[in-house]
PDB file of all heavy atoms in Angstrom:
ATOM      1  N   SER A   1    -191.890 -29.223  82.648  1.00  0.00           N
ATOM      2  CA  SER A   1    -191.104 -30.373  82.104  1.00  0.00           C
ATOM      3  C   SER A   1    -192.182 -31.572  81.854  1.00  0.00           C
ATOM      4  O   SER A   1    -191.990 -32.291  80.801  1.00  0.00           O
ATOM      5  CB  SER A   1    -190.125 -30.856  83.215  1.00  0.00           C
ATOM      6  OG  SER A   1    -190.659 -31.349  84.342  1.00  0.00           O
ATOM      7  N   ALA A   2    -193.128 -31.632  82.591  1.00  0.00           N
ATOM      8  CA  ALA A   2    -194.153 -32.702  82.240  1.00  0.00           C
ATOM      9  C   ALA A   2    -194.865 -32.462  80.899  1.00  0.00           C
ATOM     10  O   ALA A   2    -194.956 -33.448  80.200  1.00  0.00           O
ATOM     11  CB  ALA A   2    -195.272 -32.823  83.431  1.00  0.00           C
ATOM     12  N   SER A   3    -195.321 -31.296  80.551  1.00  0.00           N
ATOM     13  CA  SER A   3    -195.932 -31.059  79.285  1.00  0.00           C
ATOM     14  C   SER A   3    -195.004 -31.204  78.267  1.00  0.00           C
ATOM     15  O   SER A   3    -195.306 -31.815  77.146  1.00  0.00           O
ATOM     16  CB  SER A   3    -196.705 -29.684  79.373  1.00  0.00           C
ATOM     17  OG  SER A   3    -195.665 -28.628  79.426  1.00  0.00           O
ATOM     18  N   THR A   4    -193.733 -30.815  78.336  1.00  0.00           N
ATOM     19  CA  THR A   4    -192.731 -30.837  77.349  1.00  0.00           C
ATOM     20  C   THR A   4    -192.422 -32.292  77.053  1.00  0.00           C
ATOM     21  O   THR A   4    -192.308 -32.689  75.916  1.00  0.00           O
ATOM     22  CB  THR A   4    -191.448 -30.006  77.696  1.00  0.00           C
ATOM     23  OG1 THR A   4    -191.813 -28.799  78.020  1.00  0.00           O
ATOM     24  CG2 THR A   4    -190.508 -30.140  76.522  1.00  0.00           C
ATOM     25  N   HIS A   5    -192.269 -33.140  78.054  1.00  0.00           N
ATOM     26  CA  HIS A   5    -191.941 -34.525  77.893  1.00  0.00           C
ATOM     27  C   HIS A   5    -192.989 -35.250  77.117  1.00  0.00           C
ATOM     28  O   HIS A   5    -192.792 -35.976  76.210  1.00  0.00           O
ATOM     29  CB  HIS A   5    -191.760 -35.206  79.175  1.00  0.00           C
ATOM     30  CG  HIS A   5    -191.466 -36.668  79.166  1.00  0.00           C
ATOM     31  ND1 HIS A   5    -190.261 -37.188  78.613  1.00  0.00           N
ATOM     32  CD2 HIS A   5    -192.227 -37.769  79.516  1.00  0.00           C
ATOM     33  CE1 HIS A   5    -190.499 -38.504  78.577  1.00  0.00           C
ATOM     34  NE2 HIS A   5    -191.533 -38.865  79.150  1.00  0.00           N
ATOM     35  N   THR A   6    -194.343 -35.001  77.448  1.00  0.00           N
ATOM     36  CA  THR A   6    -195.383 -35.604  76.802  1.00  0.00           C
ATOM     37  C   THR A   6    -195.503 -35.167  75.283  1.00  0.00           C
ATOM     38  O   THR A   6    -195.593 -36.140  74.350  1.00  0.00           O
ATOM     39  CB  THR A   6    -196.792 -35.254  77.387  1.00  0.00           C
ATOM     40  OG1 THR A   6    -196.691 -35.556  78.818  1.00  0.00           O
ATOM     41  CG2 THR A   6    -198.045 -35.853  76.800  1.00  0.00           C
ATOM     42  N   ALA A   7    -195.166 -34.090  74.996  1.00  0.00           N
ATOM     43  CA  ALA A   7    -195.174 -33.544  73.566  1.00  0.00           C
ATOM     44  C   ALA A   7    -194.097 -34.257  72.871  1.00  0.00           C
ATOM     45  O   ALA A   7    -194.220 -34.737  71.712  1.00  0.00           O
ATOM     46  CB  ALA A   7    -195.029 -32.092  73.547  1.00  0.00           C
ATOM     47  N   ALA A   8    -192.907 -34.334  73.538  1.00  0.00           N
ATOM     48  CA  ALA A   8    -191.699 -34.990  72.750  1.00  0.00           C
ATOM     49  C   ALA A   8    -192.006 -36.423  72.574  1.00  0.00           C
ATOM     50  O   ALA A   8    -191.610 -37.035  71.537  1.00  0.00           O
ATOM     51  CB  ALA A   8    -190.528 -34.774  73.603  1.00  0.00           C
ATOM     52  N   THR A   9    -192.717 -37.091  73.505  1.00  0.00           N
ATOM     53  CA  THR A   9    -192.943 -38.540  73.441  1.00  0.00           C
ATOM     54  C   THR A   9    -193.867 -38.904  72.230  1.00  0.00           C
ATOM     55  O   THR A   9    -193.699 -39.738  71.448  1.00  0.00           O
ATOM     56  CB  THR A   9    -193.520 -39.114  74.700  1.00  0.00           C
ATOM     57  OG1 THR A   9    -192.570 -38.828  75.691  1.00  0.00           O
ATOM     58  CG2 THR A   9    -193.703 -40.557  74.600  1.00  0.00           C
ATOM     59  N   GLN A  10    -194.954 -37.996  72.087  1.00  0.00           N
ATOM     60  CA  GLN A  10    -195.876 -38.044  71.012  1.00  0.00           C
ATOM     61  C   GLN A  10    -195.305 -37.849  69.702  1.00  0.00           C
ATOM     62  O   GLN A  10    -195.839 -38.394  68.697  1.00  0.00           O
ATOM     63  CB  GLN A  10    -197.067 -37.372  71.424  1.00  0.00           C
ATOM     64  CG  GLN A  10    -197.975 -37.854  72.520  1.00  0.00           C
ATOM     65  CD  GLN A  10    -199.047 -36.789  72.932  1.00  0.00           C
ATOM     66  OE1 GLN A  10    -199.098 -35.742  72.406  1.00  0.00           O
ATOM     67  NE2 GLN A  10    -199.916 -37.332  73.757  1.00  0.00           N
ATOM     68  N   THR A  11    -194.414 -37.017  69.580  1.00  0.00           N
ATOM     69  CA  THR A  11    -193.885 -36.636  68.205  1.00  0.00           C
ATOM     70  C   THR A  11    -192.633 -37.407  67.858  1.00  0.00           C
ATOM     71  O   THR A  11    -192.149 -37.231  66.656  1.00  0.00           O
ATOM     72  CB  THR A  11    -193.658 -35.104  68.221  1.00  0.00           C
ATOM     73  OG1 THR A  11    -192.487 -34.852  69.195  1.00  0.00           O
ATOM     74  CG2 THR A  11    -194.828 -34.350  68.402  1.00  0.00           C
ATOM     75  N   GLN A  12    -192.097 -38.285  68.697  1.00  0.00           N
ATOM     76  CA  GLN A  12    -190.950 -39.107  68.388  1.00  0.00           C
ATOM     77  C   GLN A  12    -191.357 -40.100  67.239  1.00  0.00           C
ATOM     78  O   GLN A  12    -192.261 -40.737  67.281  1.00  0.00           O
ATOM     79  CB  GLN A  12    -190.335 -39.781  69.487  1.00  0.00           C
ATOM     80  CG  GLN A  12    -189.004 -40.522  69.229  1.00  0.00           C
ATOM     81  CD  GLN A  12    -188.388 -41.017  70.559  1.00  0.00           C
ATOM     82  OE1 GLN A  12    -189.050 -41.015  71.573  1.00  0.00           O
ATOM     83  NE2 GLN A  12    -187.219 -41.565  70.393  1.00  0.00           N
ATOM     84  N   THR A  13    -190.432 -40.280  66.273  1.00  0.00           N
ATOM     85  CA  THR A  13    -190.751 -41.112  65.105  1.00  0.00           C
ATOM     86  C   THR A  13    -190.723 -42.583  65.684  1.00  0.00           C
ATOM     87  O   THR A  13    -189.672 -42.856  66.266  1.00  0.00           O
ATOM     88  CB  THR A  13    -189.791 -40.852  64.008  1.00  0.00           C
ATOM     89  OG1 THR A  13    -189.889 -39.565  63.546  1.00  0.00           O
ATOM     90  CG2 THR A  13    -190.108 -41.820  62.789  1.00  0.00           C
ATOM     91  N   PRO A  14    -191.728 -43.443  65.344  1.00  0.00           N
ATOM     92  CA  PRO A  14    -191.586 -44.791  65.750  1.00  0.00           C
ATOM     93  C   PRO A  14    -190.466 -45.544  64.846  1.00  0.00           C
ATOM     94  O   PRO A  14    -190.260 -45.166  63.775  1.00  0.00           O
ATOM     95  CB  PRO A  14    -193.024 -45.468  65.423  1.00  0.00           C
ATOM     96  CG  PRO A  14    -193.744 -44.232  64.874  1.00  0.00           C
ATOM     97  CD  PRO A  14    -192.972 -43.097  64.684  1.00  0.00           C
ATOM     98  N   LEU A  15    -189.929 -46.471  65.517  1.00  0.00           N
ATOM     99  CA  LEU A  15    -188.828 -47.208  64.884  1.00  0.00           C
ATOM    100  C   LEU A  15    -189.183 -48.607  64.535  1.00  0.00           C
ATOM    101  O   LEU A  15    -189.933 -49.287  65.297  1.00  0.00           O
ATOM    102  CB  LEU A  15    -187.604 -47.368  65.866  1.00  0.00           C
ATOM    103  CG  LEU A  15    -186.825 -46.035  66.203  1.00  0.00           C
ATOM    104  CD1 LEU A  15    -185.823 -46.260  67.180  1.00  0.00           C
ATOM    105  CD2 LEU A  15    -186.410 -45.286  65.002  1.00  0.00           C
ATOM    106  N   VAL A  16    -188.987 -48.975  63.306  1.00  0.00           N
ATOM    107  CA  VAL A  16    -189.244 -50.414  62.839  1.00  0.00           C
ATOM    108  C   VAL A  16    -188.151 -51.198  63.111  1.00  0.00           C
ATOM    109  O   VAL A  16    -186.971 -51.020  62.570  1.00  0.00           O
ATOM    110  CB  VAL A  16    -189.543 -50.267  61.336  1.00  0.00           C
ATOM    111  CG1 VAL A  16    -189.815 -51.766  60.789  1.00  0.00           C
ATOM    112  CG2 VAL A  16    -190.761 -49.399  61.070  1.00  0.00           C
ATOM    113  N   VAL A  17    -188.205 -52.201  63.930  1.00  0.00           N
ATOM    114  CA  VAL A  17    -187.136 -52.933  64.461  1.00  0.00           C
ATOM    115  C   VAL A  17    -186.974 -54.423  63.868  1.00  0.00           C
ATOM    116  O   VAL A  17    -186.005 -55.039  63.943  1.00  0.00           O
ATOM    117  CB  VAL A  17    -187.010 -53.023  65.978  1.00  0.00           C
ATOM    118  CG1 VAL A  17    -186.855 -51.582  66.525  1.00  0.00           C
ATOM    119  CG2 VAL A  17    -188.259 -53.518  66.644  1.00  0.00           C
ATOM    120  N   ASN A  18    -188.152 -54.978  63.419  1.00  0.00           N
ATOM    121  CA  ASN A  18    -188.137 -56.324  62.852  1.00  0.00           C
ATOM    122  C   ASN A  18    -189.337 -56.554  62.037  1.00  0.00           C
ATOM    123  O   ASN A  18    -190.472 -55.902  62.124  1.00  0.00           O
ATOM    124  CB  ASN A  18    -188.040 -57.299  64.143  1.00  0.00           C
ATOM    125  CG  ASN A  18    -187.738 -58.758  63.739  1.00  0.00           C
ATOM    126  OD1 ASN A  18    -187.210 -58.921  62.703  1.00  0.00           O
ATOM    127  ND2 ASN A  18    -187.993 -59.748  64.591  1.00  0.00           N
ATOM    128  N   ALA A  19    -189.253 -57.593  61.170  1.00  0.00           N
ATOM    129  CA  ALA A  19    -190.300 -58.151  60.524  1.00  0.00           C
ATOM    130  C   ALA A  19    -190.248 -59.656  60.561  1.00  0.00           C
ATOM    131  O   ALA A  19    -189.122 -60.190  60.276  1.00  0.00           O
ATOM    132  CB  ALA A  19    -190.275 -57.615  59.049  1.00  0.00           C
ATOM    133  N   ARG A  20    -191.271 -60.345  60.658  1.00  0.00           N
ATOM    134  CA  ARG A  20    -191.278 -61.745  60.798  1.00  0.00           C
ATOM    135  C   ARG A  20    -192.605 -62.396  60.175  1.00  0.00           C
ATOM    136  O   ARG A  20    -193.492 -61.526  59.814  1.00  0.00           O
ATOM    137  CB  ARG A  20    -191.142 -62.197  62.197  1.00  0.00           C
ATOM    138  CG  ARG A  20    -191.942 -61.564  63.239  1.00  0.00           C
ATOM    139  CD  ARG A  20    -191.560 -61.639  64.662  1.00  0.00           C
ATOM    140  NE  ARG A  20    -192.305 -60.813  65.510  1.00  0.00           N
ATOM    141  CZ  ARG A  20    -193.385 -61.167  66.137  1.00  0.00           C
ATOM    142  NH1 ARG A  20    -193.805 -62.329  66.174  1.00  0.00           N
ATOM    143  NH2 ARG A  20    -193.991 -60.242  66.999  1.00  0.00           N
ATOM    144  N   TRP A  21    -192.708 -63.632  60.012  1.00  0.00           N
ATOM    145  CA  TRP A  21    -193.952 -64.172  59.377  1.00  0.00           C
ATOM    146  C   TRP A  21    -194.053 -65.510  60.019  1.00  0.00           C
ATOM    147  O   TRP A  21    -193.172 -66.199  60.654  1.00  0.00           O
ATOM    148  CB  TRP A  21    -193.706 -64.224  57.936  1.00  0.00           C
ATOM    149  CG  TRP A  21    -192.438 -64.983  57.522  1.00  0.00           C
ATOM    150  CD1 TRP A  21    -192.194 -66.301  57.386  1.00  0.00           C
ATOM    151  CD2 TRP A  21    -191.071 -64.333  57.273  1.00  0.00           C
ATOM    152  NE1 TRP A  21    -190.868 -66.434  57.042  1.00  0.00           N
ATOM    153  CE2 TRP A  21    -190.206 -65.183  57.034  1.00  0.00           C
ATOM    154  CE3 TRP A  21    -190.771 -62.968  57.369  1.00  0.00           C
ATOM    155  CZ2 TRP A  21    -188.925 -64.978  56.738  1.00  0.00           C
ATOM    156  CZ3 TRP A  21    -189.426 -62.638  57.068  1.00  0.00           C
ATOM    157  CH2 TRP A  21    -188.551 -63.646  56.867  1.00  0.00           C
ATOM    158  N   GLY A  22    -195.147 -66.193  59.803  1.00  0.00           N
ATOM    159  CA  GLY A  22    -195.440 -67.512  60.293  1.00  0.00           C
ATOM    160  C   GLY A  22    -196.757 -68.124  59.446  1.00  0.00           C
ATOM    161  O   GLY A  22    -197.586 -67.384  59.034  1.00  0.00           O
ATOM    162  N   GLY A  23    -196.696 -69.385  59.447  1.00  0.00           N
ATOM    163  CA  GLY A  23    -197.741 -70.118  58.798  1.00  0.00           C
ATOM    164  C   GLY A  23    -198.732 -70.731  59.878  1.00  0.00           C
ATOM    165  O   GLY A  23    -198.187 -71.158  60.914  1.00  0.00           O
ATOM    166  N   HIS A  24    -200.005 -70.549  59.613  1.00  0.00           N
ATOM    167  CA  HIS A  24    -201.022 -71.191  60.553  1.00  0.00           C
ATOM    168  C   HIS A  24    -201.993 -72.061  59.647  1.00  0.00           C
ATOM    169  O   HIS A  24    -201.839 -71.912  58.480  1.00  0.00           O
ATOM    170  CB  HIS A  24    -201.784 -70.014  61.151  1.00  0.00           C
ATOM    171  CG  HIS A  24    -200.794 -69.085  62.030  1.00  0.00           C
ATOM    172  ND1 HIS A  24    -200.554 -69.384  63.318  1.00  0.00           N
ATOM    173  CD2 HIS A  24    -200.150 -68.006  61.721  1.00  0.00           C
ATOM    174  CE1 HIS A  24    -199.773 -68.467  63.772  1.00  0.00           C
ATOM    175  NE2 HIS A  24    -199.428 -67.612  62.914  1.00  0.00           N
ATOM    176  N   PRO A  25    -202.809 -72.807  60.286  1.00  0.00           N
ATOM    177  CA  PRO A  25    -203.610 -73.687  59.431  1.00  0.00           C
ATOM    178  C   PRO A  25    -204.529 -73.051  58.467  1.00  0.00           C
ATOM    179  O   PRO A  25    -204.666 -73.623  57.311  1.00  0.00           O
ATOM    180  CB  PRO A  25    -204.378 -74.373  60.610  1.00  0.00           C
ATOM    181  CG  PRO A  25    -203.686 -74.236  61.775  1.00  0.00           C
ATOM    182  CD  PRO A  25    -202.901 -73.063  61.642  1.00  0.00           C
ATOM    183  N   THR A  26    -205.016 -71.912  58.702  1.00  0.00           N
ATOM    184  CA  THR A  26    -206.026 -71.170  57.615  1.00  0.00           C
ATOM    185  C   THR A  26    -205.413 -69.833  57.196  1.00  0.00           C
ATOM    186  O   THR A  26    -206.107 -69.199  56.383  1.00  0.00           O
ATOM    187  CB  THR A  26    -207.305 -70.919  58.393  1.00  0.00           C
ATOM    188  OG1 THR A  26    -207.089 -70.103  59.509  1.00  0.00           O
ATOM    189  CG2 THR A  26    -207.880 -72.226  58.724  1.00  0.00           C
ATOM    190  N   PHE A  27    -204.200 -69.435  57.595  1.00  0.00           N
ATOM    191  CA  PHE A  27    -203.677 -68.183  57.198  1.00  0.00           C
ATOM    192  C   PHE A  27    -202.234 -68.123  57.455  1.00  0.00           C
ATOM    193  O   PHE A  27    -201.651 -68.907  58.217  1.00  0.00           O
ATOM    194  CB  PHE A  27    -204.357 -66.961  57.863  1.00  0.00           C
ATOM    195  CG  PHE A  27    -204.078 -67.016  59.377  1.00  0.00           C
ATOM    196  CD1 PHE A  27    -203.034 -66.266  59.839  1.00  0.00           C
ATOM    197  CD2 PHE A  27    -204.981 -67.622  60.244  1.00  0.00           C
ATOM    198  CE1 PHE A  27    -202.954 -66.173  61.198  1.00  0.00           C
ATOM    199  CE2 PHE A  27    -204.699 -67.644  61.603  1.00  0.00           C
ATOM    200  CZ  PHE A  27    -203.644 -66.855  62.138  1.00  0.00           C
ATOM    201  N   ASP A  28    -201.585 -67.237  56.560  1.00  0.00           N
ATOM    202  CA  ASP A  28    -200.124 -66.797  56.839  1.00  0.00           C
ATOM    203  C   ASP A  28    -200.110 -65.477  57.422  1.00  0.00           C
ATOM    204  O   ASP A  28    -201.070 -64.540  57.176  1.00  0.00           O
ATOM    205  CB  ASP A  28    -199.314 -66.841  55.403  1.00  0.00           C
ATOM    206  CG  ASP A  28    -199.258 -68.254  54.812  1.00  0.00           C
ATOM    207  OD1 ASP A  28    -199.464 -69.175  55.467  1.00  0.00           O
ATOM    208  OD2 ASP A  28    -198.814 -68.222  53.724  1.00  0.00           O
ATOM    209  N   ARG A  29    -199.123 -65.245  58.314  1.00  0.00           N
ATOM    210  CA  ARG A  29    -199.125 -63.963  59.009  1.00  0.00           C
ATOM    211  C   ARG A  29    -197.742 -63.179  58.821  1.00  0.00           C
ATOM    212  O   ARG A  29    -196.702 -63.831  58.853  1.00  0.00           O
ATOM    213  CB  ARG A  29    -199.445 -64.186  60.522  1.00  0.00           C
ATOM    214  CG  ARG A  29    -199.214 -62.913  61.365  1.00  0.00           C
ATOM    215  CD  ARG A  29    -199.628 -63.215  62.746  1.00  0.00           C
ATOM    216  NE  ARG A  29    -201.107 -63.119  62.708  1.00  0.00           N
ATOM    217  CZ  ARG A  29    -201.887 -63.455  63.866  1.00  0.00           C
ATOM    218  NH1 ARG A  29    -201.278 -63.677  64.933  1.00  0.00           N
ATOM    219  NH2 ARG A  29    -203.188 -63.444  63.717  1.00  0.00           N
ATOM    220  N   ILE A  30    -197.945 -62.001  58.628  1.00  0.00           N
ATOM    221  CA  ILE A  30    -196.738 -60.954  58.553  1.00  0.00           C
ATOM    222  C   ILE A  30    -196.853 -60.076  59.825  1.00  0.00           C
ATOM    223  O   ILE A  30    -197.992 -59.606  60.041  1.00  0.00           O
ATOM    224  CB  ILE A  30    -196.674 -60.208  57.232  1.00  0.00           C
ATOM    225  CG1 ILE A  30    -196.609 -61.048  56.066  1.00  0.00           C
ATOM    226  CG2 ILE A  30    -195.621 -59.095  57.343  1.00  0.00           C
ATOM    227  CD1 ILE A  30    -196.801 -60.198  54.856  1.00  0.00           C
ATOM    228  N   VAL A  31    -195.841 -59.866  60.593  1.00  0.00           N
ATOM    229  CA  VAL A  31    -195.741 -59.079  61.629  1.00  0.00           C
ATOM    230  C   VAL A  31    -194.605 -58.210  61.616  1.00  0.00           C
ATOM    231  O   VAL A  31    -193.459 -58.610  61.314  1.00  0.00           O
ATOM    232  CB  VAL A  31    -195.552 -59.845  63.076  1.00  0.00           C
ATOM    233  CG1 VAL A  31    -195.516 -58.985  64.310  1.00  0.00           C
ATOM    234  CG2 VAL A  31    -196.740 -61.002  63.235  1.00  0.00           C
ATOM    235  N   ILE A  32    -194.841 -56.863  61.836  1.00  0.00           N
ATOM    236  CA  ILE A  32    -193.824 -55.754  61.814  1.00  0.00           C
ATOM    237  C   ILE A  32    -193.739 -55.214  63.299  1.00  0.00           C
ATOM    238  O   ILE A  32    -194.775 -54.604  63.788  1.00  0.00           O
ATOM    239  CB  ILE A  32    -194.160 -54.742  60.708  1.00  0.00           C
ATOM    240  CG1 ILE A  32    -194.271 -55.259  59.295  1.00  0.00           C
ATOM    241  CG2 ILE A  32    -193.139 -53.550  60.890  1.00  0.00           C
ATOM    242  CD1 ILE A  32    -194.646 -54.319  58.290  1.00  0.00           C
ATOM    243  N   ASP A  33    -192.543 -55.421  63.873  1.00  0.00           N
ATOM    244  CA  ASP A  33    -192.392 -54.955  65.220  1.00  0.00           C
ATOM    245  C   ASP A  33    -191.943 -53.511  65.270  1.00  0.00           C
ATOM    246  O   ASP A  33    -190.957 -53.211  64.524  1.00  0.00           O
ATOM    247  CB  ASP A  33    -191.376 -55.848  65.898  1.00  0.00           C
ATOM    248  CG  ASP A  33    -191.826 -57.252  66.062  1.00  0.00           C
ATOM    249  OD1 ASP A  33    -193.078 -57.500  66.414  1.00  0.00           O
ATOM    250  OD2 ASP A  33    -191.122 -58.192  65.733  1.00  0.00           O
ATOM    251  N   LEU A  34    -192.353 -52.802  66.193  1.00  0.00           N
ATOM    252  CA  LEU A  34    -192.029 -51.274  66.351  1.00  0.00           C
ATOM    253  C   LEU A  34    -191.793 -50.962  67.813  1.00  0.00           C
ATOM    254  O   LEU A  34    -192.181 -51.607  68.694  1.00  0.00           O
ATOM    255  CB  LEU A  34    -193.318 -50.477  65.954  1.00  0.00           C
ATOM    256  CG  LEU A  34    -193.696 -50.681  64.498  1.00  0.00           C
ATOM    257  CD1 LEU A  34    -195.236 -50.902  64.437  1.00  0.00           C
ATOM    258  CD2 LEU A  34    -193.286 -49.450  63.675  1.00  0.00           C
ATOM    259  N   GLN A  35    -190.929 -49.826  67.812  1.00  0.00           N
ATOM    260  CA  GLN A  35    -190.698 -49.288  69.167  1.00  0.00           C
ATOM    261  C   GLN A  35    -191.378 -47.945  68.993  1.00  0.00           C
ATOM    262  O   GLN A  35    -191.152 -47.147  68.057  1.00  0.00           O
ATOM    263  CB  GLN A  35    -189.162 -49.007  69.378  1.00  0.00           C
ATOM    264  CG  GLN A  35    -188.420 -50.232  69.780  1.00  0.00           C
ATOM    265  CD  GLN A  35    -186.911 -49.906  69.980  1.00  0.00           C
ATOM    266  OE1 GLN A  35    -186.423 -48.884  69.846  1.00  0.00           O
ATOM    267  NE2 GLN A  35    -186.261 -50.927  70.448  1.00  0.00           N
ATOM    268  N   GLY A  36    -192.071 -47.537  70.066  1.00  0.00           N
ATOM    269  CA  GLY A  36    -192.889 -46.352  70.054  1.00  0.00           C
ATOM    270  C   GLY A  36    -194.370 -46.789  69.708  1.00  0.00           C
ATOM    271  O   GLY A  36    -194.822 -47.684  70.237  1.00  0.00           O
ATOM    272  N   TYR A  37    -194.972 -46.016  68.909  1.00  0.00           N
ATOM    273  CA  TYR A  37    -196.378 -46.270  68.596  1.00  0.00           C
ATOM    274  C   TYR A  37    -196.527 -46.865  67.181  1.00  0.00           C
ATOM    275  O   TYR A  37    -195.541 -46.775  66.319  1.00  0.00           O
ATOM    276  CB  TYR A  37    -197.268 -44.995  68.761  1.00  0.00           C
ATOM    277  CG  TYR A  37    -196.876 -43.810  67.873  1.00  0.00           C
ATOM    278  CD1 TYR A  37    -197.498 -43.751  66.575  1.00  0.00           C
ATOM    279  CD2 TYR A  37    -195.882 -42.906  68.165  1.00  0.00           C
ATOM    280  CE1 TYR A  37    -197.016 -42.721  65.694  1.00  0.00           C
ATOM    281  CE2 TYR A  37    -195.427 -41.852  67.300  1.00  0.00           C
ATOM    282  CZ  TYR A  37    -196.066 -41.743  66.093  1.00  0.00           C
ATOM    283  OH  TYR A  37    -195.707 -40.747  65.324  1.00  0.00           O
TER     284      TYR A  37
END
């Protein structure tokens, strides 16, 4: 079960859950939040 669980965890598709942005003094930033890797 340990080796099967590890393989399943590594192959599960990451989920995109949010996108956000912000302004900073010298740059603007885009951040995409994920569940998984």
